[in-house]
């Protein structure tokens, strides 16, 4: 039965040529805190990488529906293109939400 041996070959070929997506890729927490020297209040910074992180747009809600993640744009992927990310407010974990041309 040639068909049976041909199907696994095609699946292997497709798997080998398919490009893996970075959607869902997790980045380590960058969350840090420091004391403001003037007010003495504790400031929490959720991103500290040299990447260009920015809010989506000033009139768009930055909070995800779960109330635990903040959505932002960043050029942190290796290709340097700006993508959407979510950062967990409590844990600081960062997850890539989009891939492709922005």
Foldseek 3Di string as FASTA:
>chain_A
DVVVVVVVVVVVVCVVPDDDDQAFPKDAWPWDWDADPPPRDIDIDLDDDPWDKAAPDPVDAQADPVRFWGKIWTLPPPVSAIFIWIAGPPRSMIGTHDDDHD
